[in-house]
Amino acid sequence: MKKFATFLLRMMGWRVTHGMPEGIPKAVITMAPHTSNIDFVIGKLGFISHGVRPKIIIKKESFFFPLGIILKALGAIPMDRGFSTGTIKKVTKLMEESDTFFLLITPEGTRKLVKNWKKGFYFVAEQAKVPIIMGFLNYKTKTAGLGPVLYPSGNYEEDLKKIQEFYKDKQARHPEKFNLSPENLQD
């Protein structure tokens, strides 16, 4: 399956430049930019090509028959998005109960343009005491991969600056829909 996923990515003109860092059994993986449904396909193939099976959170309303069966096979976890504190606790508990657990989150929370990123990815990592691995897609270079590892310091604003700094040169499929907070970017 790994070779087939790598083959498909190459056929699409993509390559994975950085795989999973060694020695990390659990992490929250941020994936940005996320402005198109095809981002999921490219990202999924990239993870398969490196033997990584991250979990993803999807609103529980999407888990109707037969789509629910497919989503669960793809690693989706149904969540009620109306209760963010409960979601963080539930995911933290799932991480604590597993030997290996990678949670993939798009911090933008949608494919539409947003002014501020969602904070849940950070608080899950902080409460579960796991690192954040910065995953990326760069349409300009047609590269994907996993970038730096950040251990939450407890200072969300300072850590977010570091995270968004990493993404500032990554080009989205639809650049007009990708936003980083200007106050978080250093010159």
N, C-alpha and C. Protein backbone atom coordinates (compact mmCIF):
# COMPACT_ATOMS: atom_id res chain seq x y z
N MET A 1 0.81 -1.20 0.00
CA MET A 1 0.00 0.00 0.00
C MET A 1 0.86 1.27 0.00
N LYS A 2 2.01 1.23 0.73
CA LYS A 2 2.90 2.39 0.78
C LYS A 2 3.42 2.75 -0.60
N LYS A 3 3.86 1.73 -1.34
CA LYS A 3 4.41 1.97 -2.68
C LYS A 3 3.34 2.51 -3.62
N PHE A 4 2.13 1.97 -3.50
CA PHE A 4 1.04 2.43 -4.37
C PHE A 4 0.70 3.89 -4.07
N ALA A 5 0.66 4.26 -2.79
CA ALA A 5 0.37 5.65 -2.42
C ALA A 5 1.46 6.58 -2.94
N THR A 6 2.72 6.16 -2.82
CA THR A 6 3.84 6.95 -3.34
C THR A 6 3.72 7.10 -4.85
N PHE A 7 3.36 6.03 -5.53
CA PHE A 7 3.18 6.05 -6.98
C PHE A 7 2.08 7.05 -7.37
N LEU A 8 0.94 7.00 -6.67
CA LEU A 8 -0.16 7.92 -6.98
C LEU A 8 0.26 9.38 -6.77
N LEU A 9 0.96 9.64 -5.69
CA LEU A 9 1.44 11.01 -5.45
C LEU A 9 2.35 11.47 -6.58
N ARG A 10 3.26 10.61 -6.99
CA ARG A 10 4.18 10.98 -8.09
C ARG A 10 3.42 11.23 -9.38
N MET A 11 2.39 10.42 -9.64
CA MET A 11 1.58 10.62 -10.84
C MET A 11 0.87 11.97 -10.81
N MET A 12 0.55 12.42 -9.61
CA MET A 12 -0.11 13.72 -9.44
C MET A 12 0.92 14.86 -9.40
N GLY A 13 2.20 14.52 -9.44
CA GLY A 13 3.25 15.53 -9.42
C GLY A 13 3.72 15.93 -8.03
N TRP A 14 3.30 15.19 -7.00
CA TRP A 14 3.63 15.52 -5.62
C TRP A 14 4.73 14.62 -5.08
N ARG A 15 5.43 15.13 -4.07
CA ARG A 15 6.39 14.31 -3.34
C ARG A 15 6.35 14.69 -1.87
N VAL A 16 6.62 13.69 -1.04
CA VAL A 16 6.66 13.90 0.41
C VAL A 16 8.12 14.11 0.77
N THR A 17 8.42 15.27 1.35
CA THR A 17 9.81 15.63 1.64
C THR A 17 10.27 15.28 3.05
N HIS A 18 9.35 15.21 3.99
CA HIS A 18 9.70 14.92 5.38
C HIS A 18 8.65 13.99 5.97
N GLY A 19 9.10 12.84 6.47
CA GLY A 19 8.20 11.88 7.08
C GLY A 19 8.07 12.09 8.58
N MET A 20 7.51 11.08 9.23
CA MET A 20 7.27 11.14 10.68
C MET A 20 8.59 11.16 11.44
N PRO A 21 8.76 12.12 12.36
CA PRO A 21 9.96 12.14 13.19
C PRO A 21 10.07 10.86 14.03
N GLU A 22 11.26 10.40 14.25
CA GLU A 22 11.52 9.17 15.02
C GLU A 22 11.20 9.37 16.50
N GLY A 23 10.74 8.30 17.12
CA GLY A 23 10.59 8.27 18.56
C GLY A 23 9.41 9.02 19.14
N ILE A 24 8.44 9.37 18.31
CA ILE A 24 7.26 10.07 18.82
C ILE A 24 6.06 9.15 18.61
N PRO A 25 5.56 8.53 19.68
CA PRO A 25 4.43 7.60 19.53
C PRO A 25 3.05 8.25 19.51
N LYS A 26 2.98 9.49 20.02
CA LYS A 26 1.70 10.20 20.08
C LYS A 26 1.95 11.67 19.78
N ALA A 27 1.03 12.27 19.02
CA ALA A 27 1.17 13.69 18.71
C ALA A 27 -0.11 14.22 18.11
N VAL A 28 -0.23 15.53 18.17
CA VAL A 28 -1.24 16.24 17.39
C VAL A 28 -0.49 16.75 16.16
N ILE A 29 -1.05 16.46 14.99
CA ILE A 29 -0.43 16.92 13.75
C ILE A 29 -1.33 18.01 13.16
N THR A 30 -0.78 19.20 13.04
CA THR A 30 -1.53 20.26 12.37
C THR A 30 -1.29 20.11 10.88
N MET A 31 -2.29 20.36 10.07
CA MET A 31 -2.13 20.29 8.63
C MET A 31 -2.67 21.58 8.03
N ALA A 32 -1.78 22.29 7.37
CA ALA A 32 -2.17 23.56 6.76
C ALA A 32 -1.25 23.79 5.55
N PRO A 33 -1.64 24.60 4.63
CA PRO A 33 -2.96 25.19 4.51
C PRO A 33 -4.01 24.18 4.07
N HIS A 34 -5.25 24.47 4.39
CA HIS A 34 -6.36 23.59 4.04
C HIS A 34 -7.46 24.43 3.39
N THR A 35 -7.48 24.45 2.05
CA THR A 35 -8.45 25.29 1.34
C THR A 35 -9.25 24.52 0.29
N SER A 36 -9.04 23.20 0.21
CA SER A 36 -9.67 22.41 -0.84
C SER A 36 -9.89 20.98 -0.37
N ASN A 37 -10.90 20.31 -0.91
CA ASN A 37 -11.13 18.90 -0.59
C ASN A 37 -9.99 18.01 -1.05
N ILE A 38 -9.30 18.39 -2.10
CA ILE A 38 -8.19 17.57 -2.62
C ILE A 38 -7.03 17.53 -1.61
N ASP A 39 -6.97 18.50 -0.70
CA ASP A 39 -5.94 18.50 0.35
C ASP A 39 -6.01 17.19 1.14
N PHE A 40 -7.23 16.73 1.41
CA PHE A 40 -7.40 15.49 2.17
C PHE A 40 -6.81 14.31 1.41
N VAL A 41 -7.07 14.23 0.12
CA VAL A 41 -6.57 13.12 -0.70
C VAL A 41 -5.04 13.11 -0.73
N ILE A 42 -4.45 14.26 -0.99
CA ILE A 42 -2.99 14.35 -1.04
C ILE A 42 -2.39 14.02 0.32
N GLY A 43 -2.96 14.59 1.37
CA GLY A 43 -2.47 14.32 2.72
C GLY A 43 -2.59 12.86 3.10
N LYS A 44 -3.72 12.27 2.81
CA LYS A 44 -3.94 10.85 3.14
C LYS A 44 -2.93 9.96 2.41
N LEU A 45 -2.71 10.23 1.13
CA LEU A 45 -1.71 9.45 0.37
C LEU A 45 -0.31 9.64 0.96
N GLY A 46 0.00 10.87 1.38
CA GLY A 46 1.30 11.13 1.99
C GLY A 46 1.50 10.34 3.27
N PHE A 47 0.47 10.29 4.11
CA PHE A 47 0.57 9.52 5.35
C PHE A 47 0.67 8.02 5.06
N ILE A 48 -0.12 7.53 4.13
CA ILE A 48 -0.05 6.11 3.78
C ILE A 48 1.34 5.76 3.26
N SER A 49 1.92 6.65 2.46
CA SER A 49 3.24 6.37 1.89
C SER A 49 4.32 6.25 2.96
N HIS A 50 4.04 6.77 4.15
CA HIS A 50 5.00 6.68 5.26
C HIS A 50 4.50 5.78 6.39
N GLY A 51 3.41 5.06 6.14
CA GLY A 51 2.92 4.11 7.13
C GLY A 51 2.31 4.72 8.37
N VAL A 52 1.80 5.94 8.26
CA VAL A 52 1.20 6.63 9.40
C VAL A 52 -0.32 6.66 9.20
N ARG A 53 -1.06 6.32 10.26
CA ARG A 53 -2.52 6.30 10.18
C ARG A 53 -3.11 7.27 11.21
N PRO A 54 -3.13 8.56 10.87
CA PRO A 54 -3.67 9.51 11.85
C PRO A 54 -5.18 9.43 11.94
N LYS A 55 -5.68 9.82 13.09
CA LYS A 55 -7.12 9.95 13.33
C LYS A 55 -7.52 11.38 12.96
N ILE A 56 -8.76 11.54 12.55
CA ILE A 56 -9.28 12.86 12.25
C ILE A 56 -10.64 13.03 12.93
N ILE A 57 -10.94 14.23 13.32
CA ILE A 57 -12.22 14.52 13.95
C ILE A 57 -13.17 15.05 12.88
N ILE A 58 -14.35 14.46 12.82
CA ILE A 58 -15.37 14.90 11.87
C ILE A 58 -16.68 15.03 12.62
N LYS A 59 -17.46 16.03 12.24
CA LYS A 59 -18.74 16.24 12.92
C LYS A 59 -19.59 14.99 12.84
N LYS A 60 -20.24 14.68 13.95
CA LYS A 60 -20.99 13.43 14.07
C LYS A 60 -22.11 13.30 13.04
N GLU A 61 -22.61 14.43 12.56
CA GLU A 61 -23.68 14.40 11.57
C GLU A 61 -23.27 13.74 10.25
N SER A 62 -21.97 13.65 10.00
CA SER A 62 -21.47 13.03 8.77
C SER A 62 -21.47 11.50 8.84
N PHE A 63 -21.71 10.95 10.01
CA PHE A 63 -21.63 9.50 10.19
C PHE A 63 -22.97 8.80 9.96
N PHE A 64 -23.53 9.02 8.80
CA PHE A 64 -24.75 8.31 8.42
C PHE A 64 -24.36 7.18 7.46
N PHE A 65 -25.22 6.19 7.34
CA PHE A 65 -24.94 5.04 6.49
C PHE A 65 -25.06 5.45 5.02
N PRO A 66 -24.15 5.06 4.17
CA PRO A 66 -22.96 4.24 4.35
C PRO A 66 -21.69 5.06 4.59
N LEU A 67 -21.80 6.40 4.55
CA LEU A 67 -20.61 7.25 4.69
C LEU A 67 -19.89 7.01 6.01
N GLY A 68 -20.63 6.76 7.09
CA GLY A 68 -20.02 6.53 8.40
C GLY A 68 -19.04 5.37 8.40
N ILE A 69 -19.36 4.32 7.68
CA ILE A 69 -18.46 3.15 7.60
C ILE A 69 -17.15 3.54 6.93
N ILE A 70 -17.24 4.30 5.86
CA ILE A 70 -16.05 4.75 5.12
C ILE A 70 -15.22 5.68 5.99
N LEU A 71 -15.88 6.62 6.65
CA LEU A 71 -15.16 7.57 7.49
C LEU A 71 -14.40 6.87 8.62
N LYS A 72 -15.05 5.91 9.27
CA LYS A 72 -14.37 5.18 10.34
C LYS A 72 -13.17 4.40 9.80
N ALA A 73 -13.29 3.83 8.61
CA ALA A 73 -12.17 3.10 7.99
C ALA A 73 -11.01 4.04 7.68
N LEU A 74 -11.31 5.32 7.45
CA LEU A 74 -10.28 6.31 7.17
C LEU A 74 -9.69 6.92 8.45
N GLY A 75 -10.16 6.48 9.60
CA GLY A 75 -9.62 6.96 10.87
C GLY A 75 -10.40 8.11 11.48
N ALA A 76 -11.62 8.33 11.03
CA ALA A 76 -12.41 9.44 11.55
C ALA A 76 -13.04 9.10 12.89
N ILE A 77 -13.10 10.11 13.74
CA ILE A 77 -13.72 10.01 15.05
C ILE A 77 -14.90 10.97 15.05
N PRO A 78 -16.13 10.47 15.31
CA PRO A 78 -17.28 11.37 15.33
C PRO A 78 -17.29 12.23 16.59
N MET A 79 -17.53 13.51 16.42
CA MET A 79 -17.58 14.43 17.56
C MET A 79 -18.72 15.40 17.42
N ASP A 80 -19.28 15.77 18.57
CA ASP A 80 -20.27 16.83 18.63
C ASP A 80 -19.50 18.13 18.80
N ARG A 81 -19.44 18.90 17.74
CA ARG A 81 -18.64 20.12 17.76
C ARG A 81 -19.21 21.21 18.64
N GLY A 82 -20.41 21.03 19.13
CA GLY A 82 -21.03 22.05 19.97
C GLY A 82 -20.44 22.11 21.38
N PHE A 83 -19.69 21.09 21.78
CA PHE A 83 -19.13 21.03 23.13
C PHE A 83 -17.61 20.90 23.05
N SER A 84 -16.91 22.02 22.88
CA SER A 84 -15.47 21.97 22.66
C SER A 84 -14.70 21.41 23.86
N THR A 85 -15.12 21.75 25.08
CA THR A 85 -14.43 21.22 26.25
C THR A 85 -14.57 19.71 26.31
N GLY A 86 -15.74 19.21 26.03
CA GLY A 86 -15.95 17.76 26.01
C GLY A 86 -15.15 17.09 24.92
N THR A 87 -15.01 17.73 23.79
CA THR A 87 -14.24 17.17 22.69
C THR A 87 -12.77 17.04 23.09
N ILE A 88 -12.23 18.07 23.69
CA ILE A 88 -10.83 18.03 24.12
C ILE A 88 -10.62 16.91 25.14
N LYS A 89 -11.53 16.78 26.09
CA LYS A 89 -11.41 15.72 27.09
C LYS A 89 -11.52 14.34 26.46
N LYS A 90 -12.44 14.17 25.54
CA LYS A 90 -12.64 12.87 24.89
C LYS A 90 -11.40 12.47 24.08
N VAL A 91 -10.86 13.40 23.32
CA VAL A 91 -9.68 13.09 22.51
C VAL A 91 -8.47 12.85 23.39
N THR A 92 -8.32 13.64 24.44
CA THR A 92 -7.21 13.44 25.37
C THR A 92 -7.28 12.05 25.99
N LYS A 93 -8.47 11.61 26.36
CA LYS A 93 -8.65 10.28 26.94
C LYS A 93 -8.29 9.20 25.92
N LEU A 94 -8.72 9.36 24.67
CA LEU A 94 -8.36 8.39 23.63
C LEU A 94 -6.84 8.29 23.46
N MET A 95 -6.17 9.43 23.52
CA MET A 95 -4.71 9.44 23.39
C MET A 95 -4.06 8.73 24.57
N GLU A 96 -4.54 9.01 25.77
CA GLU A 96 -3.96 8.40 26.97
C GLU A 96 -4.14 6.89 26.98
N GLU A 97 -5.23 6.39 26.40
CA GLU A 97 -5.53 4.96 26.40
C GLU A 97 -4.82 4.20 25.29
N SER A 98 -4.11 4.88 24.42
CA SER A 98 -3.46 4.24 23.26
C SER A 98 -1.95 4.28 23.39
N ASP A 99 -1.31 3.25 22.84
CA ASP A 99 0.16 3.24 22.79
C ASP A 99 0.68 4.19 21.73
N THR A 100 -0.01 4.23 20.60
CA THR A 100 0.32 5.17 19.54
C THR A 100 -0.97 5.86 19.10
N PHE A 101 -0.89 7.16 18.88
CA PHE A 101 -2.08 7.91 18.50
C PHE A 101 -1.64 9.22 17.87
N PHE A 102 -1.99 9.39 16.62
CA PHE A 102 -1.70 10.64 15.92
C PHE A 102 -3.03 11.27 15.52
N LEU A 103 -3.27 12.47 15.99
CA LEU A 103 -4.50 13.18 15.69
C LEU A 103 -4.18 14.29 14.70
N LEU A 104 -4.79 14.22 13.54
CA LEU A 104 -4.60 15.22 12.49
C LEU A 104 -5.70 16.26 12.59
N ILE A 105 -5.31 17.52 12.70
CA ILE A 105 -6.27 18.62 12.82
C ILE A 105 -5.87 19.74 11.87
N THR A 106 -6.85 20.27 11.16
CA THR A 106 -6.62 21.49 10.38
C THR A 106 -6.98 22.67 11.28
N PRO A 107 -5.99 23.44 11.71
CA PRO A 107 -6.27 24.49 12.69
C PRO A 107 -7.19 25.59 12.16
N GLU A 108 -7.33 25.68 10.84
CA GLU A 108 -8.27 26.66 10.29
C GLU A 108 -9.71 26.24 10.58
N GLY A 109 -9.94 24.93 10.68
CA GLY A 109 -11.25 24.40 11.01
C GLY A 109 -12.22 24.33 9.84
N THR A 110 -11.82 24.85 8.69
CA THR A 110 -12.69 24.86 7.51
C THR A 110 -11.83 25.15 6.28
N ARG A 111 -12.42 24.96 5.12
CA ARG A 111 -11.71 25.29 3.88
C ARG A 111 -11.94 26.75 3.48
N LYS A 112 -12.83 27.43 4.18
CA LYS A 112 -13.12 28.83 3.89
C LYS A 112 -12.08 29.73 4.57
N LEU A 113 -12.03 30.98 4.13
CA LEU A 113 -11.15 31.95 4.76
C LEU A 113 -11.61 32.23 6.19
N VAL A 114 -10.70 32.16 7.13
CA VAL A 114 -11.00 32.48 8.53
C VAL A 114 -10.00 33.52 9.03
N LYS A 115 -10.43 34.31 10.00
CA LYS A 115 -9.54 35.33 10.56
C LYS A 115 -8.63 34.75 11.63
N ASN A 116 -9.16 33.78 12.39
CA ASN A 116 -8.39 33.20 13.48
C ASN A 116 -8.46 31.68 13.44
N TRP A 117 -7.35 31.06 13.73
CA TRP A 117 -7.31 29.60 13.79
C TRP A 117 -8.01 29.12 15.05
N LYS A 118 -8.54 27.91 15.00
CA LYS A 118 -9.15 27.27 16.17
C LYS A 118 -8.03 26.91 17.15
N LYS A 119 -8.34 26.91 18.42
CA LYS A 119 -7.33 26.66 19.45
C LYS A 119 -7.31 25.22 19.95
N GLY A 120 -8.30 24.43 19.59
CA GLY A 120 -8.44 23.08 20.12
C GLY A 120 -7.22 22.20 19.92
N PHE A 121 -6.56 22.29 18.76
CA PHE A 121 -5.39 21.45 18.51
C PHE A 121 -4.33 21.66 19.58
N TYR A 122 -4.16 22.91 19.99
CA TYR A 122 -3.15 23.25 20.99
C TYR A 122 -3.52 22.68 22.35
N PHE A 123 -4.77 22.86 22.74
CA PHE A 123 -5.20 22.42 24.07
C PHE A 123 -5.25 20.90 24.19
N VAL A 124 -5.55 20.21 23.09
CA VAL A 124 -5.47 18.73 23.11
C VAL A 124 -4.03 18.31 23.36
N ALA A 125 -3.10 18.89 22.61
CA ALA A 125 -1.68 18.54 22.79
C ALA A 125 -1.20 18.87 24.19
N GLU A 126 -1.58 20.02 24.69
CA GLU A 126 -1.16 20.45 26.02
C GLU A 126 -1.70 19.52 27.10
N GLN A 127 -2.99 19.21 27.04
CA GLN A 127 -3.60 18.36 28.07
C GLN A 127 -3.13 16.91 27.97
N ALA A 128 -2.90 16.43 26.76
CA ALA A 128 -2.44 15.04 26.59
C ALA A 128 -0.93 14.93 26.78
N LYS A 129 -0.27 16.07 26.92
CA LYS A 129 1.19 16.12 27.10
C LYS A 129 1.93 15.44 25.94
N VAL A 130 1.50 15.83 24.72
CA VAL A 130 2.12 15.32 23.50
C VAL A 130 2.57 16.51 22.64
N PRO A 131 3.51 16.28 21.74
CA PRO A 131 3.97 17.38 20.88
C PRO A 131 3.00 17.68 19.75
N ILE A 132 3.22 18.83 19.16
CA ILE A 132 2.52 19.23 17.94
C ILE A 132 3.53 19.08 16.81
N ILE A 133 3.15 18.32 15.79
CA ILE A 133 3.98 18.18 14.60
C ILE A 133 3.31 18.98 13.49
N MET A 134 4.06 19.85 12.84
CA MET A 134 3.49 20.72 11.82
C MET A 134 3.53 20.05 10.44
N GLY A 135 2.36 19.59 10.01
CA GLY A 135 2.23 18.99 8.69
C GLY A 135 1.87 20.07 7.68
N PHE A 136 2.30 19.85 6.43
CA PHE A 136 2.05 20.90 5.43
C PHE A 136 1.81 20.32 4.04
N LEU A 137 1.12 21.12 3.25
CA LEU A 137 1.00 20.94 1.81
C LEU A 137 1.44 22.26 1.21
N ASN A 138 2.30 22.19 0.20
CA ASN A 138 2.76 23.41 -0.46
C ASN A 138 2.50 23.26 -1.96
N TYR A 139 1.46 23.90 -2.44
CA TYR A 139 1.08 23.77 -3.85
C TYR A 139 2.08 24.44 -4.78
N LYS A 140 2.85 25.40 -4.29
CA LYS A 140 3.84 26.07 -5.12
C LYS A 140 4.94 25.09 -5.53
N THR A 141 5.38 24.26 -4.59
CA THR A 141 6.46 23.31 -4.86
C THR A 141 5.95 21.87 -5.03
N LYS A 142 4.64 21.69 -4.83
CA LYS A 142 4.01 20.37 -4.87
C LYS A 142 4.72 19.40 -3.92
N THR A 143 4.98 19.88 -2.72
CA THR A 143 5.59 19.06 -1.68
C THR A 143 4.66 19.00 -0.47
N ALA A 144 4.76 17.90 0.23
CA ALA A 144 4.01 17.69 1.46
C ALA A 144 4.96 17.07 2.46
N GLY A 145 4.60 17.16 3.72
CA GLY A 145 5.44 16.52 4.71
C GLY A 145 5.12 16.97 6.11
N LEU A 146 5.99 16.55 7.00
CA LEU A 146 5.87 16.91 8.41
C LEU A 146 7.08 17.75 8.77
N GLY A 147 6.81 18.91 9.32
CA GLY A 147 7.88 19.84 9.64
C GLY A 147 8.31 19.75 11.09
N PRO A 148 8.54 20.90 11.70
CA PRO A 148 9.06 20.93 13.06
C PRO A 148 8.11 20.32 14.09
N VAL A 149 8.71 19.95 15.21
CA VAL A 149 7.97 19.42 16.36
C VAL A 149 8.01 20.51 17.43
N LEU A 150 6.85 20.82 17.99
CA LEU A 150 6.76 21.83 19.03
C LEU A 150 6.07 21.22 20.24
N TYR A 151 6.70 21.34 21.39
CA TYR A 151 6.07 20.90 22.64
C TYR A 151 5.39 22.12 23.25
N PRO A 152 4.08 22.05 23.50
CA PRO A 152 3.39 23.22 24.04
C PRO A 152 4.04 23.72 25.32
N SER A 153 4.27 25.04 25.36
CA SER A 153 4.90 25.66 26.52
C SER A 153 3.88 26.10 27.56
N GLY A 154 2.61 26.14 27.15
CA GLY A 154 1.57 26.68 28.01
C GLY A 154 1.24 28.13 27.65
N ASN A 155 2.08 28.74 26.82
CA ASN A 155 1.84 30.10 26.34
C ASN A 155 1.33 30.00 24.90
N TYR A 156 0.02 29.92 24.77
CA TYR A 156 -0.59 29.71 23.45
C TYR A 156 -0.16 30.76 22.44
N GLU A 157 -0.22 32.02 22.81
CA GLU A 157 0.08 33.10 21.86
C GLU A 157 1.51 33.00 21.32
N GLU A 158 2.48 32.75 22.19
CA GLU A 158 3.87 32.63 21.75
C GLU A 158 4.08 31.39 20.89
N ASP A 159 3.48 30.28 21.29
CA ASP A 159 3.62 29.06 20.50
C ASP A 159 2.92 29.19 19.15
N LEU A 160 1.78 29.87 19.10
CA LEU A 160 1.09 30.07 17.83
C LEU A 160 1.93 30.90 16.87
N LYS A 161 2.66 31.86 17.40
CA LYS A 161 3.57 32.65 16.54
C LYS A 161 4.58 31.74 15.86
N LYS A 162 5.15 30.81 16.61
CA LYS A 162 6.14 29.88 16.04
C LYS A 162 5.50 28.97 15.00
N ILE A 163 4.31 28.50 15.30
CA ILE A 163 3.61 27.60 14.38
C ILE A 163 3.27 28.34 13.09
N GLN A 164 2.68 29.51 13.20
CA GLN A 164 2.29 30.25 12.00
C GLN A 164 3.50 30.74 11.21
N GLU A 165 4.58 31.01 11.88
CA GLU A 165 5.82 31.39 11.18
C GLU A 165 6.26 30.27 10.23
N PHE A 166 6.12 29.03 10.67
CA PHE A 166 6.48 27.89 9.81
C PHE A 166 5.64 27.86 8.54
N TYR A 167 4.36 28.22 8.66
CA TYR A 167 3.44 28.11 7.52
C TYR A 167 3.46 29.30 6.57
N LYS A 168 4.19 30.37 6.90
CA LYS A 168 4.07 31.59 6.10
C LYS A 168 4.52 31.44 4.66
N ASP A 169 5.40 30.49 4.35
CA ASP A 169 5.83 30.32 2.96
C ASP A 169 5.16 29.13 2.26
N LYS A 170 4.14 28.57 2.88
CA LYS A 170 3.41 27.44 2.28
C LYS A 170 2.24 28.00 1.47
N GLN A 171 2.13 27.58 0.22
CA GLN A 171 1.07 28.10 -0.65
C GLN A 171 -0.10 27.13 -0.71
N ALA A 172 -1.27 27.64 -0.49
CA ALA A 172 -2.50 26.86 -0.55
C ALA A 172 -2.94 26.66 -1.99
N ARG A 173 -3.81 25.68 -2.18
CA ARG A 173 -4.41 25.49 -3.51
C ARG A 173 -5.20 26.74 -3.90
N HIS A 174 -5.89 27.31 -2.91
CA HIS A 174 -6.63 28.56 -3.11
C HIS A 174 -6.05 29.59 -2.14
N PRO A 175 -4.98 30.28 -2.54
CA PRO A 175 -4.28 31.20 -1.61
C PRO A 175 -5.18 32.25 -0.99
N GLU A 176 -6.22 32.66 -1.69
CA GLU A 176 -7.11 33.69 -1.15
C GLU A 176 -7.93 33.19 0.04
N LYS A 177 -7.92 31.89 0.30
CA LYS A 177 -8.66 31.32 1.43
C LYS A 177 -7.76 30.97 2.61
N PHE A 178 -6.46 31.21 2.49
CA PHE A 178 -5.53 30.86 3.57
C PHE A 178 -5.09 32.11 4.30
N ASN A 179 -5.21 32.09 5.61
CA ASN A 179 -4.90 33.26 6.41
C ASN A 179 -4.04 32.90 7.61
N LEU A 180 -3.02 33.70 7.82
CA LEU A 180 -2.24 33.65 9.05
C LEU A 180 -2.44 34.99 9.73
N SER A 181 -2.48 35.00 11.02
CA SER A 181 -2.68 36.25 11.76
C SER A 181 -1.46 37.14 11.55
N PRO A 182 -1.66 38.33 10.96
CA PRO A 182 -0.50 39.21 10.69
C PRO A 182 0.33 39.51 11.93
N GLU A 183 -0.32 39.61 13.09
CA GLU A 183 0.44 39.92 14.31
C GLU A 183 1.33 38.76 14.75
N ASN A 184 1.11 37.56 14.19
CA ASN A 184 1.92 36.41 14.56
C ASN A 184 3.11 36.17 13.66
N LEU A 185 3.26 36.97 12.62
CA LEU A 185 4.36 36.76 11.69
C LEU A 185 5.49 37.72 11.98
N GLN A 186 6.69 37.16 12.03
CA GLN A 186 7.87 37.96 12.28
C GLN A 186 8.51 38.32 10.95
N ASP A 187 9.15 39.48 10.88
CA ASP A 187 9.84 39.87 9.63
C ASP A 187 11.23 39.30 9.58
